[in-house]
Amino acid sequence: MKILASILFACLVAAAPAAGAEVTVIRVANEGVIIDDGTARIMIDGLVVEPYALYGGLPPGMEQQFRQATGPFQGIDLALATHRHHDHNQPEFACLFLQRSTTTRMSASPQVFDLMRERCRGLVTTSPRLQIIDPQYDFPIALEADGARVRAIRLSHGGGKFASIQNYGYVVEISGLRLLHIGDAAMQPEDFARAGLDEMDLDVAFIPFWFFQPGPGAAVVDRFMNAEHQLAVHIPPKEMAEVRQYLAENFPGVQVLAAPGDSVVIRPTAPARLSRYPE
């Protein structure tokens, strides 16, 4: 069964998505992004409002849009969470958003929904819009949203106290582009290889900034996330200026969406265009 699953995954990876319209990526809180091609709207780690530890939340104007499911949060087809940590998914606000945006579907791990169940038990236990997923290394899970395809893959959060965390990566294929979000994946080459990430060509990769710091991260990026557009994410607000300067000096091709609302428009055959989402 594992061999058959690996063959199927390789075939899915080899099949390039059909060319289409331009894709806009909008940064929301912390590592959250919205991916929009004008038809499908997919949000990853975007159910975050409050600052947590070193990491930022939404500014007041965008928080209001979140609460009302308007502006960049309007018409989200599929919401995904990489893992249960509060800087990636906040149960109270996840429940609030799903109650407000009544057509949004959500897929996430059992751990994510266990925490949400404490806030909105009825919604979590009865709504057909919520889907528990648990991809394994040889068995990725396929999802769809208005013509866009998503594969949920397993990626380790690390060892020790993080070993039990269910951390998922998402490969989004939309309008001729293939985008990868890895959550808080550990810098373990063997883990990325087990997830099949050395078998695919990426157009966009959302990469936690610490992968670019001195250490093993840069080699992992070169092998598994060597996308045309690399966006550094998960940057604490107080460190933003320092990180941007470091990247400009050492990795000048890496882009940063510095604040919630910043966006980048990407087309398969055109340079990316950076801008700010209107509030």
C-alpha atoms as a PDB file:
ATOM      1  CA  MET A   1       0.000   0.000   0.000  1.00  0.00           C
ATOM      2  CA  LYS A   2       2.848   2.428   0.798  1.00  0.00           C
ATOM      3  CA  ILE A   3       4.407   1.832  -2.623  1.00  0.00           C
ATOM      4  CA  LEU A   4       1.113   2.463  -4.385  1.00  0.00           C
ATOM      5  CA  ALA A   5       0.530   5.605  -2.345  1.00  0.00           C
ATOM      6  CA  SER A   6       4.019   6.880  -3.166  1.00  0.00           C
ATOM      7  CA  ILE A   7       3.443   6.284  -6.865  1.00  0.00           C
ATOM      8  CA  LEU A   8       0.114   8.114  -6.699  1.00  0.00           C
ATOM      9  CA  PHE A   9       1.686  11.048  -4.862  1.00  0.00           C
ATOM     10  CA  ALA A  10       4.491  11.255  -7.439  1.00  0.00           C
ATOM     11  CA  CYS A  11       1.914  11.335 -10.235  1.00  0.00           C
ATOM     12  CA  LEU A  12      -0.009  14.117  -8.509  1.00  0.00           C
ATOM     13  CA  VAL A  13       3.175  16.109  -8.050  1.00  0.00           C
ATOM     14  CA  ALA A  14       4.192  15.656 -11.682  1.00  0.00           C
ATOM     15  CA  ALA A  15       0.853  16.890 -12.975  1.00  0.00           C
ATOM     16  CA  ALA A  16       1.191  20.652 -13.330  1.00  0.00           C
ATOM     17  CA  PRO A  17      -1.910  22.731 -12.633  1.00  0.00           C
ATOM     18  CA  ALA A  18      -3.534  24.441 -15.574  1.00  0.00           C
ATOM     19  CA  ALA A  19      -2.445  27.985 -16.358  1.00  0.00           C
ATOM     20  CA  GLY A  20      -4.874  30.694 -15.368  1.00  0.00           C
ATOM     21  CA  ALA A  21      -5.297  34.108 -13.797  1.00  0.00           C
ATOM     22  CA  GLU A  22      -2.877  35.927 -11.537  1.00  0.00           C
ATOM     23  CA  VAL A  23      -2.728  34.936  -7.894  1.00  0.00           C
ATOM     24  CA  THR A  24      -2.720  37.408  -5.007  1.00  0.00           C
ATOM     25  CA  VAL A  25      -1.153  36.493  -1.684  1.00  0.00           C
ATOM     26  CA  ILE A  26      -2.271  38.642   1.242  1.00  0.00           C
ATOM     27  CA  ARG A  27      -0.469  38.511   4.534  1.00  0.00           C
ATOM     28  CA  VAL A  28      -2.663  38.435   7.632  1.00  0.00           C
ATOM     29  CA  ALA A  29      -1.496  37.819  11.242  1.00  0.00           C
ATOM     30  CA  ASN A  30       1.879  36.202  11.888  1.00  0.00           C
ATOM     31  CA  GLU A  31       2.335  33.301   9.403  1.00  0.00           C
ATOM     32  CA  GLY A  32      -1.190  33.612   8.054  1.00  0.00           C
ATOM     33  CA  VAL A  33      -1.780  34.106   4.326  1.00  0.00           C
ATOM     34  CA  ILE A  34      -4.755  34.320   2.004  1.00  0.00           C
ATOM     35  CA  ILE A  35      -4.268  32.911  -1.504  1.00  0.00           C
ATOM     36  CA  ASP A  36      -6.727  34.284  -4.066  1.00  0.00           C
ATOM     37  CA  ASP A  37      -6.986  33.828  -7.838  1.00  0.00           C
ATOM     38  CA  GLY A  38     -10.301  35.623  -8.196  1.00  0.00           C
ATOM     39  CA  THR A  39     -12.250  32.380  -7.941  1.00  0.00           C
ATOM     40  CA  ALA A  40     -10.852  30.328  -5.092  1.00  0.00           C
ATOM     41  CA  ARG A  41      -9.828  31.926  -1.789  1.00  0.00           C
ATOM     42  CA  ILE A  42      -7.759  29.780   0.559  1.00  0.00           C
ATOM     43  CA  MET A  43      -6.561  30.961   3.968  1.00  0.00           C
ATOM     44  CA  ILE A  44      -3.743  29.209   5.836  1.00  0.00           C
ATOM     45  CA  ASP A  45      -3.063  29.982   9.512  1.00  0.00           C
ATOM     46  CA  GLY A  46      -5.277  33.043   9.182  1.00  0.00           C
ATOM     47  CA  LEU A  47      -7.598  32.422  12.137  1.00  0.00           C
ATOM     48  CA  VAL A  48      -5.390  34.552  14.368  1.00  0.00           C
ATOM     49  CA  VAL A  49      -6.288  37.980  15.777  1.00  0.00           C
ATOM     50  CA  GLU A  50      -4.427  38.605  19.043  1.00  0.00           C
ATOM     51  CA  PRO A  51      -0.655  38.989  19.453  1.00  0.00           C
ATOM     52  CA  TYR A  52       0.902  35.962  21.079  1.00  0.00           C
ATOM     53  CA  ALA A  53       4.327  35.848  22.713  1.00  0.00           C
ATOM     54  CA  LEU A  54       6.707  37.591  20.274  1.00  0.00           C
ATOM     55  CA  TYR A  55       4.318  37.384  17.366  1.00  0.00           C
ATOM     56  CA  GLY A  56       1.849  39.933  16.104  1.00  0.00           C
ATOM     57  CA  GLY A  57      -1.885  39.922  15.564  1.00  0.00           C
ATOM     58  CA  LEU A  58      -4.137  42.055  13.396  1.00  0.00           C
ATOM     59  CA  PRO A  59      -4.284  45.855  13.488  1.00  0.00           C
ATOM     60  CA  PRO A  60      -7.669  47.284  14.588  1.00  0.00           C
ATOM     61  CA  GLY A  61      -8.993  47.881  11.065  1.00  0.00           C
ATOM     62  CA  MET A  62      -8.244  44.367   9.918  1.00  0.00           C
ATOM     63  CA  GLU A  63      -9.535  42.887  13.169  1.00  0.00           C
ATOM     64  CA  GLN A  64     -12.894  44.504  12.450  1.00  0.00           C
ATOM     65  CA  GLN A  65     -12.840  43.056   8.931  1.00  0.00           C
ATOM     66  CA  PHE A  66     -12.033  39.648  10.392  1.00  0.00           C
ATOM     67  CA  ARG A  67     -14.935  39.828  12.836  1.00  0.00           C
ATOM     68  CA  GLN A  68     -17.306  40.786  10.032  1.00  0.00           C
ATOM     69  CA  ALA A  69     -15.754  38.489   7.400  1.00  0.00           C
ATOM     70  CA  THR A  70     -15.287  41.448   5.071  1.00  0.00           C
ATOM     71  CA  GLY A  71     -12.348  42.971   3.176  1.00  0.00           C
ATOM     72  CA  PRO A  72      -9.592  40.386   2.698  1.00  0.00           C
ATOM     73  CA  PHE A  73     -11.564  37.916   4.848  1.00  0.00           C
ATOM     74  CA  GLN A  74     -14.632  37.942   2.635  1.00  0.00           C
ATOM     75  CA  GLY A  75     -15.534  34.849   0.658  1.00  0.00           C
ATOM     76  CA  ILE A  76     -12.916  32.502   2.107  1.00  0.00           C
ATOM     77  CA  ASP A  77     -13.660  29.083   0.620  1.00  0.00           C
ATOM     78  CA  LEU A  78     -11.241  26.983   2.652  1.00  0.00           C
ATOM     79  CA  ALA A  79      -9.478  27.764   5.930  1.00  0.00           C
ATOM     80  CA  LEU A  80      -6.521  25.600   6.920  1.00  0.00           C
ATOM     81  CA  ALA A  81      -4.462  25.458  10.104  1.00  0.00           C
ATOM     82  CA  THR A  82      -0.976  23.985  10.175  1.00  0.00           C
ATOM     83  CA  HIS A  83      -1.071  23.118  13.879  1.00  0.00           C
ATOM     84  CA  ARG A  84      -2.636  23.926  17.218  1.00  0.00           C
ATOM     85  CA  HIS A  85      -0.262  26.585  18.543  1.00  0.00           C
ATOM     86  CA  HIS A  86      -1.843  29.919  19.392  1.00  0.00           C
ATOM     87  CA  ASP A  87       0.284  31.911  16.955  1.00  0.00           C
ATOM     88  CA  HIS A  88      -1.134  29.784  14.120  1.00  0.00           C
ATOM     89  CA  ASN A  89      -4.738  29.140  15.163  1.00  0.00           C
ATOM     90  CA  GLN A  90      -6.687  30.814  17.955  1.00  0.00           C
ATOM     91  CA  PRO A  91      -9.733  28.695  18.875  1.00  0.00           C
ATOM     92  CA  GLU A  92     -11.954  31.563  20.040  1.00  0.00           C
ATOM     93  CA  PHE A  93     -11.423  33.509  16.837  1.00  0.00           C
ATOM     94  CA  ALA A  94     -11.592  30.428  14.649  1.00  0.00           C
ATOM     95  CA  CYS A  95     -15.051  29.721  16.067  1.00  0.00           C
ATOM     96  CA  LEU A  96     -16.106  33.352  15.674  1.00  0.00           C
ATOM     97  CA  PHE A  97     -15.008  33.490  12.046  1.00  0.00           C
ATOM     98  CA  LEU A  98     -16.650  30.222  11.045  1.00  0.00           C
ATOM     99  CA  GLN A  99     -19.893  31.325  12.670  1.00  0.00           C
ATOM    100  CA  ARG A 100     -19.750  34.589  10.734  1.00  0.00           C
ATOM    101  CA  SER A 101     -18.493  33.264   7.406  1.00  0.00           C
ATOM    102  CA  THR A 102     -21.089  30.554   6.930  1.00  0.00           C
ATOM    103  CA  THR A 103     -19.780  29.212   3.620  1.00  0.00           C
ATOM    104  CA  THR A 104     -16.165  28.769   4.708  1.00  0.00           C
ATOM    105  CA  ARG A 105     -14.950  25.191   5.110  1.00  0.00           C
ATOM    106  CA  MET A 106     -12.128  24.350   7.484  1.00  0.00           C
ATOM    107  CA  SER A 107      -9.704  21.424   7.513  1.00  0.00           C
ATOM    108  CA  ALA A 108      -7.219  20.849  10.304  1.00  0.00           C
ATOM    109  CA  SER A 109      -5.752  18.293  12.681  1.00  0.00           C
ATOM    110  CA  PRO A 110      -7.553  16.521  15.518  1.00  0.00           C
ATOM    111  CA  GLN A 111      -5.501  18.633  17.941  1.00  0.00           C
ATOM    112  CA  VAL A 112      -6.722  21.898  16.382  1.00  0.00           C
ATOM    113  CA  PHE A 113     -10.362  20.850  16.574  1.00  0.00           C
ATOM    114  CA  ASP A 114      -9.955  19.514  20.120  1.00  0.00           C
ATOM    115  CA  LEU A 115      -9.089  23.043  21.258  1.00  0.00           C
ATOM    116  CA  MET A 116     -11.859  24.600  19.188  1.00  0.00           C
ATOM    117  CA  ARG A 117     -14.395  22.186  20.663  1.00  0.00           C
ATOM    118  CA  GLU A 118     -13.907  23.914  24.010  1.00  0.00           C
ATOM    119  CA  ARG A 119     -15.149  27.173  22.455  1.00  0.00           C
ATOM    120  CA  CYS A 120     -17.848  26.070  20.001  1.00  0.00           C
ATOM    121  CA  ARG A 121     -18.734  22.445  20.662  1.00  0.00           C
ATOM    122  CA  GLY A 122     -21.915  22.469  18.604  1.00  0.00           C
ATOM    123  CA  LEU A 123     -20.198  23.795  15.503  1.00  0.00           C
ATOM    124  CA  VAL A 124     -17.218  21.445  15.770  1.00  0.00           C
ATOM    125  CA  THR A 125     -19.276  18.332  16.440  1.00  0.00           C
ATOM    126  CA  THR A 126     -22.115  18.875  13.964  1.00  0.00           C
ATOM    127  CA  SER A 127     -21.062  21.125  11.085  1.00  0.00           C
ATOM    128  CA  PRO A 128     -20.295  19.381   7.764  1.00  0.00           C
ATOM    129  CA  ARG A 129     -18.059  22.354   6.921  1.00  0.00           C
ATOM    130  CA  LEU A 130     -15.403  21.197   9.384  1.00  0.00           C
ATOM    131  CA  GLN A 131     -13.165  18.317   8.346  1.00  0.00           C
ATOM    132  CA  ILE A 132     -10.635  16.580  10.576  1.00  0.00           C
ATOM    133  CA  ILE A 133      -7.605  15.462   8.577  1.00  0.00           C
ATOM    134  CA  ASP A 134      -4.532  13.500   9.610  1.00  0.00           C
ATOM    135  CA  PRO A 135      -2.168  13.053   6.651  1.00  0.00           C
ATOM    136  CA  GLN A 136       0.696  10.589   6.968  1.00  0.00           C
ATOM    137  CA  TYR A 137       4.016  10.567   5.140  1.00  0.00           C
ATOM    138  CA  ASP A 138       2.910   7.977   2.584  1.00  0.00           C
ATOM    139  CA  PHE A 139      -0.699   9.131   2.497  1.00  0.00           C
ATOM    140  CA  PRO A 140      -1.203  12.861   1.783  1.00  0.00           C
ATOM    141  CA  ILE A 141      -4.770  14.110   1.834  1.00  0.00           C
ATOM    142  CA  ALA A 142      -6.291  15.839  -1.188  1.00  0.00           C
ATOM    143  CA  LEU A 143      -8.598  18.845  -0.721  1.00  0.00           C
ATOM    144  CA  GLU A 144     -10.337  21.130  -3.234  1.00  0.00           C
ATOM    145  CA  ALA A 145     -11.681  24.679  -3.276  1.00  0.00           C
ATOM    146  CA  ASP A 146     -13.371  26.121  -6.372  1.00  0.00           C
ATOM    147  CA  GLY A 147     -10.938  24.629  -8.851  1.00  0.00           C
ATOM    148  CA  ALA A 148      -7.861  24.946  -6.653  1.00  0.00           C
ATOM    149  CA  ARG A 149      -6.247  21.786  -5.359  1.00  0.00           C
ATOM    150  CA  VAL A 150      -4.582  21.374  -1.982  1.00  0.00           C
ATOM    151  CA  ARG A 151      -2.503  18.507  -0.656  1.00  0.00           C
ATOM    152  CA  ALA A 152      -2.054  18.252   3.087  1.00  0.00           C
ATOM    153  CA  ILE A 153       1.258  16.641   4.030  1.00  0.00           C
ATOM    154  CA  ARG A 154       2.800  15.677   7.330  1.00  0.00           C
ATOM    155  CA  LEU A 155       5.862  17.598   8.523  1.00  0.00           C
ATOM    156  CA  SER A 156       7.521  17.231  11.906  1.00  0.00           C
ATOM    157  CA  HIS A 157       7.413  20.135  14.343  1.00  0.00           C
ATOM    158  CA  GLY A 158      10.592  18.774  15.932  1.00  0.00           C
ATOM    159  CA  GLY A 159      11.600  16.568  18.821  1.00  0.00           C
ATOM    160  CA  GLY A 160      11.279  16.818  22.582  1.00  0.00           C
ATOM    161  CA  LYS A 161       8.236  18.762  23.697  1.00  0.00           C
ATOM    162  CA  PHE A 162       7.253  19.353  20.057  1.00  0.00           C
ATOM    163  CA  ALA A 163       7.353  15.711  18.983  1.00  0.00           C
ATOM    164  CA  SER A 164       3.645  15.159  19.610  1.00  0.00           C
ATOM    165  CA  ILE A 165       2.494  18.271  17.717  1.00  0.00           C
ATOM    166  CA  GLN A 166       0.570  17.451  14.542  1.00  0.00           C
ATOM    167  CA  ASN A 167       2.115  19.910  12.080  1.00  0.00           C
ATOM    168  CA  TYR A 168       0.916  19.865   8.478  1.00  0.00           C
ATOM    169  CA  GLY A 169       2.238  21.488   5.341  1.00  0.00           C
ATOM    170  CA  TYR A 170      -0.061  22.477   2.492  1.00  0.00           C
ATOM    171  CA  VAL A 171       0.739  22.418  -1.212  1.00  0.00           C
ATOM    172  CA  VAL A 172      -1.730  24.672  -3.026  1.00  0.00           C
ATOM    173  CA  GLU A 173      -2.098  24.376  -6.799  1.00  0.00           C
ATOM    174  CA  ILE A 174      -4.028  27.330  -8.172  1.00  0.00           C
ATOM    175  CA  SER A 175      -4.104  29.073 -11.557  1.00  0.00           C
ATOM    176  CA  GLY A 176      -0.868  27.580 -12.804  1.00  0.00           C
ATOM    177  CA  LEU A 177       1.067  28.143  -9.588  1.00  0.00           C
ATOM    178  CA  ARG A 178       2.187  25.759  -6.875  1.00  0.00           C
ATOM    179  CA  LEU A 179       2.581  27.269  -3.388  1.00  0.00           C
ATOM    180  CA  LEU A 180       3.919  25.626  -0.226  1.00  0.00           C
ATOM    181  CA  HIS A 181       3.187  26.531   3.399  1.00  0.00           C
ATOM    182  CA  ILE A 182       5.074  24.463   5.989  1.00  0.00           C
ATOM    183  CA  GLY A 183       3.800  25.810   9.304  1.00  0.00           C
ATOM    184  CA  ASP A 184       6.506  25.310  11.914  1.00  0.00           C
ATOM    185  CA  ALA A 185       8.298  22.429  10.208  1.00  0.00           C
ATOM    186  CA  ALA A 186      11.598  21.403  11.761  1.00  0.00           C
ATOM    187  CA  MET A 187      14.842  21.782   9.797  1.00  0.00           C
ATOM    188  CA  GLN A 188      15.108  18.051   9.126  1.00  0.00           C
ATOM    189  CA  PRO A 189      16.016  17.126   5.531  1.00  0.00           C
ATOM    190  CA  GLU A 190      14.918  13.525   5.988  1.00  0.00           C
ATOM    191  CA  ASP A 191      11.498  14.710   7.112  1.00  0.00           C
ATOM    192  CA  PHE A 192      11.024  16.942   4.056  1.00  0.00           C
ATOM    193  CA  ALA A 193      12.130  14.040   1.855  1.00  0.00           C
ATOM    194  CA  ARG A 194       9.631  11.668   3.496  1.00  0.00           C
ATOM    195  CA  ALA A 195       6.920  14.238   2.799  1.00  0.00           C
ATOM    196  CA  GLY A 196       7.804  14.179  -0.909  1.00  0.00           C
ATOM    197  CA  LEU A 197       9.006  17.759  -1.130  1.00  0.00           C
ATOM    198  CA  ASP A 198      12.111  16.934  -3.160  1.00  0.00           C
ATOM    199  CA  GLU A 199       9.882  15.683  -5.960  1.00  0.00           C
ATOM    200  CA  MET A 200       8.003  18.853  -6.823  1.00  0.00           C
ATOM    201  CA  ASP A 201       8.659  22.191  -8.478  1.00  0.00           C
ATOM    202  CA  LEU A 202       7.447  25.147  -6.440  1.00  0.00           C
ATOM    203  CA  ASP A 203       6.554  28.631  -7.597  1.00  0.00           C
ATOM    204  CA  VAL A 204       6.044  30.113  -4.123  1.00  0.00           C
ATOM    205  CA  ALA A 205       7.302  28.992  -0.707  1.00  0.00           C
ATOM    206  CA  PHE A 206       6.367  30.555   2.629  1.00  0.00           C
ATOM    207  CA  ILE A 207       9.464  29.982   4.763  1.00  0.00           C
ATOM    208  CA  PRO A 208       9.915  30.780   8.478  1.00  0.00           C
ATOM    209  CA  PHE A 209      12.672  33.378   8.642  1.00  0.00           C
ATOM    210  CA  TRP A 210      14.912  31.296  10.893  1.00  0.00           C
ATOM    211  CA  PHE A 211      15.610  28.936   7.968  1.00  0.00           C
ATOM    212  CA  PHE A 212      17.748  31.748   6.552  1.00  0.00           C
ATOM    213  CA  GLN A 213      19.792  32.237   9.709  1.00  0.00           C
ATOM    214  CA  PRO A 214      23.231  30.578  10.019  1.00  0.00           C
ATOM    215  CA  GLY A 215      22.762  26.837  10.396  1.00  0.00           C
ATOM    216  CA  PRO A 216      21.166  23.959   8.476  1.00  0.00           C
ATOM    217  CA  GLY A 217      18.114  25.877   7.273  1.00  0.00           C
ATOM    218  CA  ALA A 218      19.562  27.329   4.071  1.00  0.00           C
ATOM    219  CA  ALA A 219      20.480  23.873   2.786  1.00  0.00           C
ATOM    220  CA  VAL A 220      16.932  22.668   3.472  1.00  0.00           C
ATOM    221  CA  VAL A 221      15.580  25.653   1.557  1.00  0.00           C
ATOM    222  CA  ASP A 222      17.905  25.016  -1.390  1.00  0.00           C
ATOM    223  CA  ARG A 223      16.884  21.385  -1.662  1.00  0.00           C
ATOM    224  CA  PHE A 224      13.194  21.432  -0.811  1.00  0.00           C
ATOM    225  CA  MET A 225      11.904  25.011  -1.129  1.00  0.00           C
ATOM    226  CA  ASN A 226      13.892  26.438  -4.026  1.00  0.00           C
ATOM    227  CA  ALA A 227      10.871  28.303  -5.365  1.00  0.00           C
ATOM    228  CA  GLU A 228      10.987  31.250  -7.742  1.00  0.00           C
ATOM    229  CA  HIS A 229       9.264  33.343  -5.081  1.00  0.00           C
ATOM    230  CA  GLN A 230      10.468  32.775  -1.524  1.00  0.00           C
ATOM    231  CA  LEU A 231       8.593  34.725   1.153  1.00  0.00           C
ATOM    232  CA  ALA A 232      10.051  34.893   4.650  1.00  0.00           C
ATOM    233  CA  VAL A 233       7.334  34.593   7.301  1.00  0.00           C
ATOM    234  CA  HIS A 234       6.849  34.215  11.067  1.00  0.00           C
ATOM    235  CA  ILE A 235       8.876  37.347  11.808  1.00  0.00           C
ATOM    236  CA  PRO A 236       8.257  39.020  15.207  1.00  0.00           C
ATOM    237  CA  PRO A 237       7.187  42.650  14.676  1.00  0.00           C
ATOM    238  CA  LYS A 238       9.954  44.019  16.898  1.00  0.00           C
ATOM    239  CA  GLU A 239      12.544  42.152  14.816  1.00  0.00           C
ATOM    240  CA  MET A 240      11.112  43.059  11.418  1.00  0.00           C
ATOM    241  CA  ALA A 241      13.598  45.816  10.556  1.00  0.00           C
ATOM    242  CA  GLU A 242      16.585  43.725  11.625  1.00  0.00           C
ATOM    243  CA  VAL A 243      15.388  40.631   9.733  1.00  0.00           C
ATOM    244  CA  ARG A 244      14.640  42.602   6.572  1.00  0.00           C
ATOM    245  CA  GLN A 245      18.112  44.136   6.610  1.00  0.00           C
ATOM    246  CA  TYR A 246      19.722  40.731   7.188  1.00  0.00           C
ATOM    247  CA  LEU A 247      17.771  39.168   4.314  1.00  0.00           C
ATOM    248  CA  ALA A 248      18.534  42.066   1.982  1.00  0.00           C
ATOM    249  CA  GLU A 249      22.245  41.618   2.656  1.00  0.00           C
ATOM    250  CA  ASN A 250      22.399  37.825   2.615  1.00  0.00           C
ATOM    251  CA  PHE A 251      19.352  36.597   0.667  1.00  0.00           C
ATOM    252  CA  PRO A 252      18.350  39.518  -1.573  1.00  0.00           C
ATOM    253  CA  GLY A 253      15.909  37.426  -3.571  1.00  0.00           C
ATOM    254  CA  VAL A 254      13.752  36.654  -0.535  1.00  0.00           C
ATOM    255  CA  GLN A 255      10.611  38.781  -0.216  1.00  0.00           C
ATOM    256  CA  VAL A 256       8.956  39.964   2.980  1.00  0.00           C
ATOM    257  CA  LEU A 257       5.356  41.036   3.469  1.00  0.00           C
ATOM    258  CA  ALA A 258       6.158  43.271   6.404  1.00  0.00           C
ATOM    259  CA  ALA A 259       2.703  44.023   7.809  1.00  0.00           C
ATOM    260  CA  PRO A 260      -0.776  42.516   7.872  1.00  0.00           C
ATOM    261  CA  GLY A 261      -2.535  43.657   4.718  1.00  0.00           C
ATOM    262  CA  ASP A 262       0.594  43.678   2.567  1.00  0.00           C
ATOM    263  CA  SER A 263       0.178  41.614  -0.575  1.00  0.00           C
ATOM    264  CA  VAL A 264       2.020  40.288  -3.580  1.00  0.00           C
ATOM    265  CA  VAL A 265       0.523  39.528  -6.997  1.00  0.00           C
ATOM    266  CA  ILE A 266       2.136  36.648  -8.843  1.00  0.00           C
ATOM    267  CA  ARG A 267       1.616  35.318 -12.337  1.00  0.00           C
ATOM    268  CA  PRO A 268       3.288  32.231 -13.809  1.00  0.00           C
ATOM    269  CA  THR A 269       5.121  34.301 -16.439  1.00  0.00           C
ATOM    270  CA  ALA A 270       5.416  37.747 -14.836  1.00  0.00           C
ATOM    271  CA  PRO A 271       7.414  39.351 -11.990  1.00  0.00           C
ATOM    272  CA  ALA A 272       5.695  39.646  -8.644  1.00  0.00           C
ATOM    273  CA  ARG A 273       4.118  42.991  -7.762  1.00  0.00           C
ATOM    274  CA  LEU A 274       4.135  44.037  -4.097  1.00  0.00           C
ATOM    275  CA  SER A 275       1.393  46.231  -2.667  1.00  0.00           C
ATOM    276  CA  ARG A 276      -0.734  46.893   0.411  1.00  0.00           C
ATOM    277  CA  TYR A 277      -4.288  45.593   0.682  1.00  0.00           C
ATOM    278  CA  PRO A 278      -6.718  48.541   1.032  1.00  0.00           C
ATOM    279  CA  GLU A 279      -8.427  48.722   4.414  1.00  0.00           C
END
